[in-house]
């Protein structure tokens, strides 16, 4: 059943009743999957939750929300996109706010947050057979999940309860806009020489996206146009191969997963890799990753020059050109280098696209 198949329009008074009936009909279905089945957003699904749930609207911007979250103590941070989920256990610390981008630089929870996409946020309590589950959930203008924070046994419940009223906002109708489509690869072959010339001059990886804008390309388009030695196209299986090799060889790495509103980073070892059907899972204490390996359509080994040595990454994209995840070599803080020999050796042996 989809809401488009019901007699109720988007603003009809029975819309929430219709959504709740669908929830009750499929209690085991994950929220994202149920929202997709109903052709609504996950935020709309959450907003309609009824018996057994207490859902309150709260301030969504990182500058208001994250300083309060720091008082919760240990929690689980979750950031995802369509095909990959990144979960880290730890504390939110070392928060830095900014007009366009904010960040937390904690030992465990390391994030980059982009406030314009933090539009709707909810304080959530769910009654379950094992007790009350508590979370804070943030969504973008289209109602897609940006970032979620799940409380754990040691979290400070008093702080969580105080956030319901302390961060409360008007609970009027949920204004959901159309989802922005993925751009796909933006290539500009006429600027190939300029792209390669400017790539060779990079001194920091953060300059790369500014360069892409300058030559009117995006990340994937630039990789396709630049080619080797800056970007080598790999077989789609190479991203999963990278994860397995890091685990087998005990080489630490930095694993990035994000969406338009939040990027979440794991820095350290990868131990237990557990494939399950189409999912490739990392199941480590404090770090879980769930990747739909079958949705990886394009993988690139990328080498960007920097003043601290070449920064090497393995980056995966879906069939629409959306960035799924990136893996870099683990750079120790204040080490002054971007190049990691053990990681580079793994990348050098990854299968090319014709393998």
C-alpha atoms as a PDB file:
ATOM      1  CA  UNK A   1       0.000   0.000   0.000  1.00  0.00           C
ATOM      2  CA  UNK A   2       1.179   3.545  -0.755  1.00  0.00           C
ATOM      3  CA  UNK A   3      -0.404   6.794   0.346  1.00  0.00           C
ATOM      4  CA  UNK A   4      -0.862   7.659  -3.311  1.00  0.00           C
ATOM      5  CA  UNK A   5      -3.221   4.667  -3.474  1.00  0.00           C
ATOM      6  CA  UNK A   6      -5.368   5.871  -0.569  1.00  0.00           C
ATOM      7  CA  UNK A   7      -8.276   8.339  -0.823  1.00  0.00           C
ATOM      8  CA  UNK A   8      -6.487  10.790   1.462  1.00  0.00           C
ATOM      9  CA  UNK A   9      -4.535  13.717   0.036  1.00  0.00           C
ATOM     10  CA  UNK A  10      -1.306  15.043   1.467  1.00  0.00           C
ATOM     11  CA  UNK A  11      -3.097  17.524   3.742  1.00  0.00           C
ATOM     12  CA  UNK A  12      -6.173  15.453   4.591  1.00  0.00           C
ATOM     13  CA  UNK A  13      -6.977  15.049   8.309  1.00  0.00           C
ATOM     14  CA  UNK A  14      -6.816  11.258   8.102  1.00  0.00           C
ATOM     15  CA  UNK A  15      -3.269  11.146   6.738  1.00  0.00           C
ATOM     16  CA  UNK A  16      -1.688  10.256  10.097  1.00  0.00           C
ATOM     17  CA  UNK A  17      -4.292   7.546  10.674  1.00  0.00           C
ATOM     18  CA  UNK A  18      -3.440   6.049   7.293  1.00  0.00           C
ATOM     19  CA  UNK A  19       0.276   6.067   8.084  1.00  0.00           C
ATOM     20  CA  UNK A  20      -0.303   4.519  11.513  1.00  0.00           C
ATOM     21  CA  UNK A  21      -2.390   1.746   9.971  1.00  0.00           C
ATOM     22  CA  UNK A  22       0.486   0.990   7.598  1.00  0.00           C
ATOM     23  CA  UNK A  23       2.941   0.931  10.523  1.00  0.00           C
ATOM     24  CA  UNK A  24       0.754  -1.528  12.427  1.00  0.00           C
ATOM     25  CA  UNK A  25       0.460  -3.708   9.315  1.00  0.00           C
ATOM     26  CA  UNK A  26       4.247  -4.026   8.988  1.00  0.00           C
ATOM     27  CA  UNK A  27       5.715  -3.668  12.500  1.00  0.00           C
ATOM     28  CA  UNK A  28       9.021  -5.350  11.662  1.00  0.00           C
ATOM     29  CA  UNK A  29       9.819  -3.243   8.592  1.00  0.00           C
ATOM     30  CA  UNK A  30      12.602  -0.712   9.018  1.00  0.00           C
ATOM     31  CA  UNK A  31      11.466   2.910   9.054  1.00  0.00           C
ATOM     32  CA  UNK A  32      13.336   3.857   5.882  1.00  0.00           C
ATOM     33  CA  UNK A  33      11.922   0.869   3.981  1.00  0.00           C
ATOM     34  CA  UNK A  34       8.367   1.504   5.197  1.00  0.00           C
ATOM     35  CA  UNK A  35       8.571   5.186   4.256  1.00  0.00           C
ATOM     36  CA  UNK A  36       9.730   4.203   0.775  1.00  0.00           C
ATOM     37  CA  UNK A  37       6.853   1.730   0.463  1.00  0.00           C
ATOM     38  CA  UNK A  38       4.367   4.447   1.465  1.00  0.00           C
ATOM     39  CA  UNK A  39       6.026   6.996  -0.831  1.00  0.00           C
ATOM     40  CA  UNK A  40       6.547   9.436   2.017  1.00  0.00           C
ATOM     41  CA  UNK A  41       9.630  10.650   3.853  1.00  0.00           C
ATOM     42  CA  UNK A  42      11.037   9.069   6.986  1.00  0.00           C
ATOM     43  CA  UNK A  43      10.391  12.318   8.872  1.00  0.00           C
ATOM     44  CA  UNK A  44       6.688  12.155   7.962  1.00  0.00           C
ATOM     45  CA  UNK A  45       6.587   8.558   9.135  1.00  0.00           C
ATOM     46  CA  UNK A  46       8.109   9.519  12.484  1.00  0.00           C
ATOM     47  CA  UNK A  47       5.826  12.534  12.861  1.00  0.00           C
ATOM     48  CA  UNK A  48       2.784  10.234  12.547  1.00  0.00           C
ATOM     49  CA  UNK A  49       3.874   7.669  15.157  1.00  0.00           C
ATOM     50  CA  UNK A  50       1.128   6.925  17.626  1.00  0.00           C
ATOM     51  CA  UNK A  51       0.665   4.500  20.530  1.00  0.00           C
ATOM     52  CA  UNK A  52       3.900   3.407  22.182  1.00  0.00           C
ATOM     53  CA  UNK A  53       5.796   6.456  20.929  1.00  0.00           C
ATOM     54  CA  UNK A  54       6.408   9.944  22.282  1.00  0.00           C
ATOM     55  CA  UNK A  55       7.683  12.198  19.516  1.00  0.00           C
ATOM     56  CA  UNK A  56       8.394  15.898  20.073  1.00  0.00           C
ATOM     57  CA  UNK A  57       9.717  18.512  17.648  1.00  0.00           C
ATOM     58  CA  UNK A  58      12.979  20.176  18.759  1.00  0.00           C
ATOM     59  CA  UNK A  59      15.510  22.659  17.359  1.00  0.00           C
ATOM     60  CA  UNK A  60      17.471  21.137  14.511  1.00  0.00           C
ATOM     61  CA  UNK A  61      20.537  23.344  13.979  1.00  0.00           C
ATOM     62  CA  UNK A  62      23.874  21.885  15.137  1.00  0.00           C
ATOM     63  CA  UNK A  63      24.704  25.012  17.144  1.00  0.00           C
ATOM     64  CA  UNK A  64      21.621  24.499  19.312  1.00  0.00           C
ATOM     65  CA  UNK A  65      21.480  20.711  19.387  1.00  0.00           C
ATOM     66  CA  UNK A  66      25.043  19.425  19.700  1.00  0.00           C
ATOM     67  CA  UNK A  67      26.099  21.426  22.810  1.00  0.00           C
ATOM     68  CA  UNK A  68      23.118  19.857  24.602  1.00  0.00           C
ATOM     69  CA  UNK A  69      24.027  16.415  23.252  1.00  0.00           C
ATOM     70  CA  UNK A  70      27.478  16.691  24.844  1.00  0.00           C
ATOM     71  CA  UNK A  71      25.780  16.359  28.235  1.00  0.00           C
ATOM     72  CA  UNK A  72      24.322  12.948  27.370  1.00  0.00           C
ATOM     73  CA  UNK A  73      27.613  11.134  27.822  1.00  0.00           C
ATOM     74  CA  UNK A  74      28.074   7.927  25.854  1.00  0.00           C
ATOM     75  CA  UNK A  75      25.684   7.521  22.922  1.00  0.00           C
ATOM     76  CA  UNK A  76      25.637   5.927  19.472  1.00  0.00           C
ATOM     77  CA  UNK A  77      25.960   8.314  16.508  1.00  0.00           C
ATOM     78  CA  UNK A  78      24.478   7.202  13.196  1.00  0.00           C
ATOM     79  CA  UNK A  79      24.946   8.790   9.795  1.00  0.00           C
ATOM     80  CA  UNK A  80      23.793   7.160   6.577  1.00  0.00           C
ATOM     81  CA  UNK A  81      22.984   7.570   2.943  1.00  0.00           C
ATOM     82  CA  UNK A  82      20.921   5.340   0.676  1.00  0.00           C
ATOM     83  CA  UNK A  83      23.402   2.443   0.654  1.00  0.00           C
ATOM     84  CA  UNK A  84      25.656   2.758   3.692  1.00  0.00           C
ATOM     85  CA  UNK A  85      25.133   3.148   7.454  1.00  0.00           C
ATOM     86  CA  UNK A  86      27.956   4.335   9.762  1.00  0.00           C
ATOM     87  CA  UNK A  87      27.553   3.855  13.537  1.00  0.00           C
ATOM     88  CA  UNK A  88      29.981   5.040  16.203  1.00  0.00           C
ATOM     89  CA  UNK A  89      29.761   4.736  19.984  1.00  0.00           C
ATOM     90  CA  UNK A  90      31.284   7.486  22.074  1.00  0.00           C
ATOM     91  CA  UNK A  91      30.822  11.000  23.399  1.00  0.00           C
ATOM     92  CA  UNK A  92      30.233  14.227  21.499  1.00  0.00           C
ATOM     93  CA  UNK A  93      33.135  16.506  22.444  1.00  0.00           C
ATOM     94  CA  UNK A  94      35.210  19.344  21.005  1.00  0.00           C
ATOM     95  CA  UNK A  95      32.327  20.943  19.111  1.00  0.00           C
ATOM     96  CA  UNK A  96      33.134  23.810  16.743  1.00  0.00           C
ATOM     97  CA  UNK A  97      30.233  25.791  15.289  1.00  0.00           C
ATOM     98  CA  UNK A  98      30.260  27.842  12.107  1.00  0.00           C
ATOM     99  CA  UNK A  99      27.849  29.637   9.763  1.00  0.00           C
ATOM    100  CA  UNK A 100      28.152  26.991   7.040  1.00  0.00           C
ATOM    101  CA  UNK A 101      29.883  23.982   8.602  1.00  0.00           C
ATOM    102  CA  UNK A 102      30.234  22.679  12.144  1.00  0.00           C
ATOM    103  CA  UNK A 103      32.196  19.745  13.487  1.00  0.00           C
ATOM    104  CA  UNK A 104      32.870  17.516  16.450  1.00  0.00           C
ATOM    105  CA  UNK A 105      36.452  16.320  16.817  1.00  0.00           C
ATOM    106  CA  UNK A 106      36.094  13.732  19.569  1.00  0.00           C
ATOM    107  CA  UNK A 107      38.266  10.650  19.805  1.00  0.00           C
ATOM    108  CA  UNK A 108      35.315   8.457  18.787  1.00  0.00           C
ATOM    109  CA  UNK A 109      32.612  10.689  17.302  1.00  0.00           C
ATOM    110  CA  UNK A 110      34.173  12.713  14.503  1.00  0.00           C
ATOM    111  CA  UNK A 111      31.691  14.572  12.284  1.00  0.00           C
ATOM    112  CA  UNK A 112      31.302  17.388   9.771  1.00  0.00           C
ATOM    113  CA  UNK A 113      27.842  18.989   9.870  1.00  0.00           C
ATOM    114  CA  UNK A 114      26.262  21.358   7.332  1.00  0.00           C
ATOM    115  CA  UNK A 115      23.547  23.380   9.043  1.00  0.00           C
ATOM    116  CA  UNK A 116      21.463  24.308   5.995  1.00  0.00           C
ATOM    117  CA  UNK A 117      20.444  20.651   5.714  1.00  0.00           C
ATOM    118  CA  UNK A 118      19.497  20.304   9.408  1.00  0.00           C
ATOM    119  CA  UNK A 119      15.830  21.259   9.012  1.00  0.00           C
ATOM    120  CA  UNK A 120      13.617  18.957  11.126  1.00  0.00           C
ATOM    121  CA  UNK A 121      14.570  17.335  14.429  1.00  0.00           C
ATOM    122  CA  UNK A 122      12.717  15.078  16.846  1.00  0.00           C
ATOM    123  CA  UNK A 123      13.074  13.981  20.458  1.00  0.00           C
ATOM    124  CA  UNK A 124      11.936  10.337  20.358  1.00  0.00           C
ATOM    125  CA  UNK A 125      10.901   7.802  22.985  1.00  0.00           C
ATOM    126  CA  UNK A 126       9.713   4.359  21.885  1.00  0.00           C
ATOM    127  CA  UNK A 127       8.209   1.680  24.093  1.00  0.00           C
ATOM    128  CA  UNK A 128       9.596  -1.747  23.198  1.00  0.00           C
ATOM    129  CA  UNK A 129       9.549  -5.227  24.726  1.00  0.00           C
ATOM    130  CA  UNK A 130      13.012  -4.569  26.148  1.00  0.00           C
ATOM    131  CA  UNK A 131      12.237  -1.129  27.538  1.00  0.00           C
ATOM    132  CA  UNK A 132      12.192   2.498  26.452  1.00  0.00           C
ATOM    133  CA  UNK A 133      14.388   3.406  23.495  1.00  0.00           C
ATOM    134  CA  UNK A 134      15.468   7.035  23.305  1.00  0.00           C
ATOM    135  CA  UNK A 135      16.914   8.940  20.357  1.00  0.00           C
ATOM    136  CA  UNK A 136      17.353  12.327  18.709  1.00  0.00           C
ATOM    137  CA  UNK A 137      16.742  12.303  14.966  1.00  0.00           C
ATOM    138  CA  UNK A 138      17.557  15.010  12.417  1.00  0.00           C
ATOM    139  CA  UNK A 139      16.179  15.250   8.868  1.00  0.00           C
ATOM    140  CA  UNK A 140      16.670  17.506   5.865  1.00  0.00           C
ATOM    141  CA  UNK A 141      14.037  19.569   4.053  1.00  0.00           C
ATOM    142  CA  UNK A 142      12.896  16.497   2.105  1.00  0.00           C
ATOM    143  CA  UNK A 143      12.469  14.500   5.315  1.00  0.00           C
ATOM    144  CA  UNK A 144      15.486  12.244   4.694  1.00  0.00           C
ATOM    145  CA  UNK A 145      17.624  11.280   7.679  1.00  0.00           C
ATOM    146  CA  UNK A 146      20.729  13.432   8.173  1.00  0.00           C
ATOM    147  CA  UNK A 147      21.957  12.276  11.592  1.00  0.00           C
ATOM    148  CA  UNK A 148      20.624  10.217  14.506  1.00  0.00           C
ATOM    149  CA  UNK A 149      21.774   9.916  18.110  1.00  0.00           C
ATOM    150  CA  UNK A 150      20.712   6.831  20.069  1.00  0.00           C
ATOM    151  CA  UNK A 151      21.048   6.731  23.842  1.00  0.00           C
ATOM    152  CA  UNK A 152      22.809   3.822  25.549  1.00  0.00           C
ATOM    153  CA  UNK A 153      22.614   2.331  29.021  1.00  0.00           C
ATOM    154  CA  UNK A 154      25.101   4.828  30.428  1.00  0.00           C
ATOM    155  CA  UNK A 155      23.579   7.946  28.841  1.00  0.00           C
ATOM    156  CA  UNK A 156      22.283  10.713  31.104  1.00  0.00           C
ATOM    157  CA  UNK A 157      18.483  10.371  30.961  1.00  0.00           C
ATOM    158  CA  UNK A 158      17.906  13.580  32.943  1.00  0.00           C
ATOM    159  CA  UNK A 159      19.733  15.589  30.269  1.00  0.00           C
ATOM    160  CA  UNK A 160      17.733  13.840  27.538  1.00  0.00           C
ATOM    161  CA  UNK A 161      14.434  14.589  29.290  1.00  0.00           C
ATOM    162  CA  UNK A 162      15.391  18.247  29.738  1.00  0.00           C
ATOM    163  CA  UNK A 163      16.111  18.556  26.009  1.00  0.00           C
ATOM    164  CA  UNK A 164      12.443  17.890  25.173  1.00  0.00           C
ATOM    165  CA  UNK A 165      11.375  21.218  26.678  1.00  0.00           C
ATOM    166  CA  UNK A 166      14.649  23.114  26.471  1.00  0.00           C
ATOM    167  CA  UNK A 167      14.891  22.679  22.685  1.00  0.00           C
ATOM    168  CA  UNK A 168      11.150  22.622  21.915  1.00  0.00           C
ATOM    169  CA  UNK A 169       9.947  24.363  18.744  1.00  0.00           C
ATOM    170  CA  UNK A 170       6.559  24.958  17.161  1.00  0.00           C
ATOM    171  CA  UNK A 171       4.896  21.643  16.295  1.00  0.00           C
ATOM    172  CA  UNK A 172       2.902  22.907  13.332  1.00  0.00           C
ATOM    173  CA  UNK A 173       2.444  20.939  10.104  1.00  0.00           C
ATOM    174  CA  UNK A 174       5.619  19.283   8.888  1.00  0.00           C
ATOM    175  CA  UNK A 175       6.710  21.143   5.760  1.00  0.00           C
ATOM    176  CA  UNK A 176       8.397  18.631   3.440  1.00  0.00           C
ATOM    177  CA  UNK A 177       9.912  19.692   0.117  1.00  0.00           C
ATOM    178  CA  UNK A 178      10.832  17.647  -2.940  1.00  0.00           C
ATOM    179  CA  UNK A 179      14.075  15.683  -2.759  1.00  0.00           C
ATOM    180  CA  UNK A 180      16.986  17.177  -4.722  1.00  0.00           C
ATOM    181  CA  UNK A 181      18.114  14.661  -7.354  1.00  0.00           C
ATOM    182  CA  UNK A 182      21.710  13.436  -7.475  1.00  0.00           C
ATOM    183  CA  UNK A 183      23.760  15.363 -10.017  1.00  0.00           C
ATOM    184  CA  UNK A 184      25.581  12.357 -11.409  1.00  0.00           C
ATOM    185  CA  UNK A 185      29.044  12.820 -12.895  1.00  0.00           C
ATOM    186  CA  UNK A 186      29.625  16.398 -14.077  1.00  0.00           C
ATOM    187  CA  UNK A 187      32.410  16.128 -16.636  1.00  0.00           C
ATOM    188  CA  UNK A 188      34.060  18.914 -18.602  1.00  0.00           C
ATOM    189  CA  UNK A 189      36.611  17.294 -20.946  1.00  0.00           C
ATOM    190  CA  UNK A 190      37.504  20.671 -22.440  1.00  0.00           C
ATOM    191  CA  UNK A 191      39.101  21.565 -19.091  1.00  0.00           C
ATOM    192  CA  UNK A 192      41.063  18.312 -18.766  1.00  0.00           C
ATOM    193  CA  UNK A 193      44.496  19.936 -19.113  1.00  0.00           C
ATOM    194  CA  UNK A 194      43.605  22.676 -16.625  1.00  0.00           C
ATOM    195  CA  UNK A 195      42.270  20.076 -14.189  1.00  0.00           C
ATOM    196  CA  UNK A 196      45.442  17.967 -14.316  1.00  0.00           C
ATOM    197  CA  UNK A 197      47.664  21.030 -14.085  1.00  0.00           C
ATOM    198  CA  UNK A 198      45.833  22.324 -11.000  1.00  0.00           C
ATOM    199  CA  UNK A 199      45.656  18.864  -9.399  1.00  0.00           C
ATOM    200  CA  UNK A 200      49.443  18.670  -9.547  1.00  0.00           C
ATOM    201  CA  UNK A 201      49.629  21.938  -7.564  1.00  0.00           C
ATOM    202  CA  UNK A 202      47.408  20.846  -4.652  1.00  0.00           C
ATOM    203  CA  UNK A 203      48.925  21.281  -1.206  1.00  0.00           C
ATOM    204  CA  UNK A 204      45.899  20.091   0.829  1.00  0.00           C
ATOM    205  CA  UNK A 205      43.051  17.658   0.107  1.00  0.00           C
ATOM    206  CA  UNK A 206      40.484  20.296   1.128  1.00  0.00           C
ATOM    207  CA  UNK A 207      41.432  22.313  -1.975  1.00  0.00           C
ATOM    208  CA  UNK A 208      40.063  19.602  -4.282  1.00  0.00           C
ATOM    209  CA  UNK A 209      36.382  20.572  -4.221  1.00  0.00           C
ATOM    210  CA  UNK A 210      37.250  24.222  -4.804  1.00  0.00           C
ATOM    211  CA  UNK A 211      39.231  23.091  -7.831  1.00  0.00           C
ATOM    212  CA  UNK A 212      36.235  21.073  -9.066  1.00  0.00           C
ATOM    213  CA  UNK A 213      34.046  24.178  -8.924  1.00  0.00           C
ATOM    214  CA  UNK A 214      36.696  26.165 -10.770  1.00  0.00           C
ATOM    215  CA  UNK A 215      36.727  23.731 -13.712  1.00  0.00           C
ATOM    216  CA  UNK A 216      32.947  23.204 -13.558  1.00  0.00           C
ATOM    217  CA  UNK A 217      33.023  19.535 -12.562  1.00  0.00           C
ATOM    218  CA  UNK A 218      32.149  17.524  -9.481  1.00  0.00           C
ATOM    219  CA  UNK A 219      34.105  14.832  -7.672  1.00  0.00           C
ATOM    220  CA  UNK A 220      33.168  11.875  -9.885  1.00  0.00           C
ATOM    221  CA  UNK A 221      33.374  13.901 -13.092  1.00  0.00           C
ATOM    222  CA  UNK A 222      36.855  15.121 -12.176  1.00  0.00           C
ATOM    223  CA  UNK A 223      38.071  11.573 -11.511  1.00  0.00           C
ATOM    224  CA  UNK A 224      36.789  10.400 -14.887  1.00  0.00           C
ATOM    225  CA  UNK A 225      38.395  13.303 -16.738  1.00  0.00           C
ATOM    226  CA  UNK A 226      41.703  13.431 -14.847  1.00  0.00           C
ATOM    227  CA  UNK A 227      42.569   9.742 -15.156  1.00  0.00           C
ATOM    228  CA  UNK A 228      45.915   8.362 -14.051  1.00  0.00           C
ATOM    229  CA  UNK A 229      48.109   9.086 -12.158  1.00  0.00           C
ATOM    230  CA  UNK A 230      45.513  11.029 -10.158  1.00  0.00           C
ATOM    231  CA  UNK A 231      42.584   8.588 -10.456  1.00  0.00           C
ATOM    232  CA  UNK A 232      42.506   4.892 -11.388  1.00  0.00           C
ATOM    233  CA  UNK A 233      39.158   3.221 -12.025  1.00  0.00           C
ATOM    234  CA  UNK A 234      38.747  -0.020 -10.097  1.00  0.00           C
ATOM    235  CA  UNK A 235      36.441  -3.004 -10.312  1.00  0.00           C
ATOM    236  CA  UNK A 236      33.200  -2.451  -8.331  1.00  0.00           C
ATOM    237  CA  UNK A 237      34.211  -5.226  -5.924  1.00  0.00           C
ATOM    238  CA  UNK A 238      37.384  -3.314  -5.019  1.00  0.00           C
ATOM    239  CA  UNK A 239      35.718  -1.273  -2.277  1.00  0.00           C
ATOM    240  CA  UNK A 240      34.719  -4.424  -0.396  1.00  0.00           C
ATOM    241  CA  UNK A 241      38.160  -5.863  -1.133  1.00  0.00           C
ATOM    242  CA  UNK A 242      39.694  -2.809   0.538  1.00  0.00           C
ATOM    243  CA  UNK A 243      37.681  -3.333   3.712  1.00  0.00           C
ATOM    244  CA  UNK A 244      38.582  -7.038   3.843  1.00  0.00           C
ATOM    245  CA  UNK A 245      42.283  -6.345   3.229  1.00  0.00           C
ATOM    246  CA  UNK A 246      42.394  -3.722   5.980  1.00  0.00           C
ATOM    247  CA  UNK A 247      40.925  -6.271   8.369  1.00  0.00           C
ATOM    248  CA  UNK A 248      43.158  -9.158   7.280  1.00  0.00           C
ATOM    249  CA  UNK A 249      46.372  -7.113   7.382  1.00  0.00           C
ATOM    250  CA  UNK A 250      45.432  -5.174  10.559  1.00  0.00           C
ATOM    251  CA  UNK A 251      45.975  -1.826   8.819  1.00  0.00           C
ATOM    252  CA  UNK A 252      44.003   1.037  10.435  1.00  0.00           C
ATOM    253  CA  UNK A 253      42.050   3.388   8.200  1.00  0.00           C
ATOM    254  CA  UNK A 254      39.714   6.365   8.095  1.00  0.00           C
ATOM    255  CA  UNK A 255      36.225   5.439   6.872  1.00  0.00           C
ATOM    256  CA  UNK A 256      33.964   8.305   5.754  1.00  0.00           C
ATOM    257  CA  UNK A 257      30.196   7.954   5.204  1.00  0.00           C
ATOM    258  CA  UNK A 258      27.893  10.884   4.703  1.00  0.00           C
ATOM    259  CA  UNK A 259      25.024  12.689   3.091  1.00  0.00           C
ATOM    260  CA  UNK A 260      24.506  16.342   2.179  1.00  0.00           C
ATOM    261  CA  UNK A 261      24.013  17.301   5.835  1.00  0.00           C
ATOM    262  CA  UNK A 262      26.542  15.228   7.761  1.00  0.00           C
ATOM    263  CA  UNK A 263      29.751  13.251   7.300  1.00  0.00           C
ATOM    264  CA  UNK A 264      30.827  10.762   9.961  1.00  0.00           C
ATOM    265  CA  UNK A 265      34.360   9.375  10.257  1.00  0.00           C
ATOM    266  CA  UNK A 266      35.841   6.272  11.860  1.00  0.00           C
ATOM    267  CA  UNK A 267      39.593   6.385  12.491  1.00  0.00           C
ATOM    268  CA  UNK A 268      41.303   3.211  13.588  1.00  0.00           C
ATOM    269  CA  UNK A 269      41.340  -0.543  13.034  1.00  0.00           C
ATOM    270  CA  UNK A 270      38.772  -2.680  11.253  1.00  0.00           C
ATOM    271  CA  UNK A 271      38.527  -6.113  12.808  1.00  0.00           C
ATOM    272  CA  UNK A 272      35.404  -8.177  12.142  1.00  0.00           C
ATOM    273  CA  UNK A 273      34.051  -8.103   8.584  1.00  0.00           C
ATOM    274  CA  UNK A 274      30.792 -10.024   8.200  1.00  0.00           C
ATOM    275  CA  UNK A 275      29.112 -10.334   4.782  1.00  0.00           C
ATOM    276  CA  UNK A 276      25.394 -11.119   4.915  1.00  0.00           C
ATOM    277  CA  UNK A 277      23.522 -11.367   1.633  1.00  0.00           C
ATOM    278  CA  UNK A 278      23.989  -8.087  -0.262  1.00  0.00           C
ATOM    279  CA  UNK A 279      25.315  -6.389   2.889  1.00  0.00           C
ATOM    280  CA  UNK A 280      28.985  -6.097   3.799  1.00  0.00           C
ATOM    281  CA  UNK A 281      29.177  -5.398   7.530  1.00  0.00           C
ATOM    282  CA  UNK A 282      31.877  -4.258   9.937  1.00  0.00           C
ATOM    283  CA  UNK A 283      30.882  -5.421  13.423  1.00  0.00           C
ATOM    284  CA  UNK A 284      33.496  -4.034  15.806  1.00  0.00           C
ATOM    285  CA  UNK A 285      33.088  -2.807  19.386  1.00  0.00           C
ATOM    286  CA  UNK A 286      32.239   0.880  19.051  1.00  0.00           C
ATOM    287  CA  UNK A 287      32.090   0.858  15.240  1.00  0.00           C
ATOM    288  CA  UNK A 288      29.573  -0.761  12.895  1.00  0.00           C
ATOM    289  CA  UNK A 289      29.244  -0.218   9.178  1.00  0.00           C
ATOM    290  CA  UNK A 290      26.577  -1.692   6.897  1.00  0.00           C
ATOM    291  CA  UNK A 291      27.232  -1.369   3.154  1.00  0.00           C
ATOM    292  CA  UNK A 292      24.985  -2.539   0.314  1.00  0.00           C
ATOM    293  CA  UNK A 293      27.921  -3.886  -1.645  1.00  0.00           C
ATOM    294  CA  UNK A 294      25.699  -4.747  -4.605  1.00  0.00           C
ATOM    295  CA  UNK A 295      24.860  -1.048  -5.046  1.00  0.00           C
ATOM    296  CA  UNK A 296      28.490  -0.039  -5.564  1.00  0.00           C
ATOM    297  CA  UNK A 297      28.682   0.711  -9.283  1.00  0.00           C
ATOM    298  CA  UNK A 298      31.936   2.660  -9.622  1.00  0.00           C
ATOM    299  CA  UNK A 299      35.119   2.692  -7.516  1.00  0.00           C
ATOM    300  CA  UNK A 300      38.174   4.930  -7.869  1.00  0.00           C
ATOM    301  CA  UNK A 301      41.628   4.840  -6.339  1.00  0.00           C
ATOM    302  CA  UNK A 302      42.538   8.506  -5.971  1.00  0.00           C
ATOM    303  CA  UNK A 303      45.895  10.147  -5.301  1.00  0.00           C
ATOM    304  CA  UNK A 304      45.893  13.848  -4.417  1.00  0.00           C
ATOM    305  CA  UNK A 305      49.212  15.660  -3.952  1.00  0.00           C
ATOM    306  CA  UNK A 306      49.647  17.533  -0.668  1.00  0.00           C
ATOM    307  CA  UNK A 307      52.548  19.257   1.084  1.00  0.00           C
ATOM    308  CA  UNK A 308      52.595  16.273   3.481  1.00  0.00           C
ATOM    309  CA  UNK A 309      52.865  13.650   0.755  1.00  0.00           C
ATOM    310  CA  UNK A 310      50.248  12.086  -1.562  1.00  0.00           C
ATOM    311  CA  UNK A 311      46.866  11.431   0.070  1.00  0.00           C
ATOM    312  CA  UNK A 312      45.463   8.159  -1.256  1.00  0.00           C
ATOM    313  CA  UNK A 313      41.804   7.139  -1.022  1.00  0.00           C
ATOM    314  CA  UNK A 314      39.407   4.499  -2.314  1.00  0.00           C
ATOM    315  CA  UNK A 315      35.990   5.965  -3.124  1.00  0.00           C
ATOM    316  CA  UNK A 316      32.727   4.267  -4.076  1.00  0.00           C
ATOM    317  CA  UNK A 317      29.733   5.613  -6.012  1.00  0.00           C
ATOM    318  CA  UNK A 318      26.324   4.218  -6.914  1.00  0.00           C
ATOM    319  CA  UNK A 319      24.807   3.973 -10.400  1.00  0.00           C
ATOM    320  CA  UNK A 320      23.455   7.532 -10.128  1.00  0.00           C
ATOM    321  CA  UNK A 321      26.876   8.937  -9.278  1.00  0.00           C
ATOM    322  CA  UNK A 322      26.177   9.430  -5.555  1.00  0.00           C
ATOM    323  CA  UNK A 323      29.208   9.135  -3.283  1.00  0.00           C
ATOM    324  CA  UNK A 324      28.636   6.160  -0.968  1.00  0.00           C
ATOM    325  CA  UNK A 325      31.820   5.996   1.095  1.00  0.00           C
ATOM    326  CA  UNK A 326      35.523   6.890   1.145  1.00  0.00           C
ATOM    327  CA  UNK A 327      38.469   5.151   2.797  1.00  0.00           C
ATOM    328  CA  UNK A 328      41.799   6.871   3.517  1.00  0.00           C
ATOM    329  CA  UNK A 329      44.903   5.629   5.243  1.00  0.00           C
ATOM    330  CA  UNK A 330      44.902   6.362   8.973  1.00  0.00           C
ATOM    331  CA  UNK A 331      46.976   9.464   9.624  1.00  0.00           C
ATOM    332  CA  UNK A 332      48.102   9.847  13.215  1.00  0.00           C
ATOM    333  CA  UNK A 333      47.263  13.214  14.722  1.00  0.00           C
ATOM    334  CA  UNK A 334      50.070  15.755  14.378  1.00  0.00           C
ATOM    335  CA  UNK A 335      52.193  13.248  12.447  1.00  0.00           C
ATOM    336  CA  UNK A 336      52.616  15.771   9.636  1.00  0.00           C
ATOM    337  CA  UNK A 337      52.071  13.258   6.814  1.00  0.00           C
ATOM    338  CA  UNK A 338      49.180  12.367   4.528  1.00  0.00           C
ATOM    339  CA  UNK A 339      50.798   9.310   2.939  1.00  0.00           C
ATOM    340  CA  UNK A 340      50.411   5.925   4.660  1.00  0.00           C
ATOM    341  CA  UNK A 341      52.647   3.213   3.188  1.00  0.00           C
ATOM    342  CA  UNK A 342      50.655   0.181   4.388  1.00  0.00           C
ATOM    343  CA  UNK A 343      47.416   1.594   3.005  1.00  0.00           C
ATOM    344  CA  UNK A 344      49.071   2.572  -0.278  1.00  0.00           C
ATOM    345  CA  UNK A 345      50.315  -1.004  -0.698  1.00  0.00           C
ATOM    346  CA  UNK A 346      46.777  -2.352  -0.318  1.00  0.00           C
ATOM    347  CA  UNK A 347      45.411   0.131  -2.859  1.00  0.00           C
ATOM    348  CA  UNK A 348      48.163  -0.651  -5.358  1.00  0.00           C
ATOM    349  CA  UNK A 349      47.012  -4.293  -5.521  1.00  0.00           C
ATOM    350  CA  UNK A 350      43.291  -3.624  -5.927  1.00  0.00           C
ATOM    351  CA  UNK A 351      41.762  -4.980  -9.152  1.00  0.00           C
ATOM    352  CA  UNK A 352      41.284  -2.565 -12.034  1.00  0.00           C
ATOM    353  CA  UNK A 353      37.959  -2.101 -13.758  1.00  0.00           C
ATOM    354  CA  UNK A 354      38.733  -4.801 -16.355  1.00  0.00           C
ATOM    355  CA  UNK A 355      39.638  -7.434 -13.778  1.00  0.00           C
END
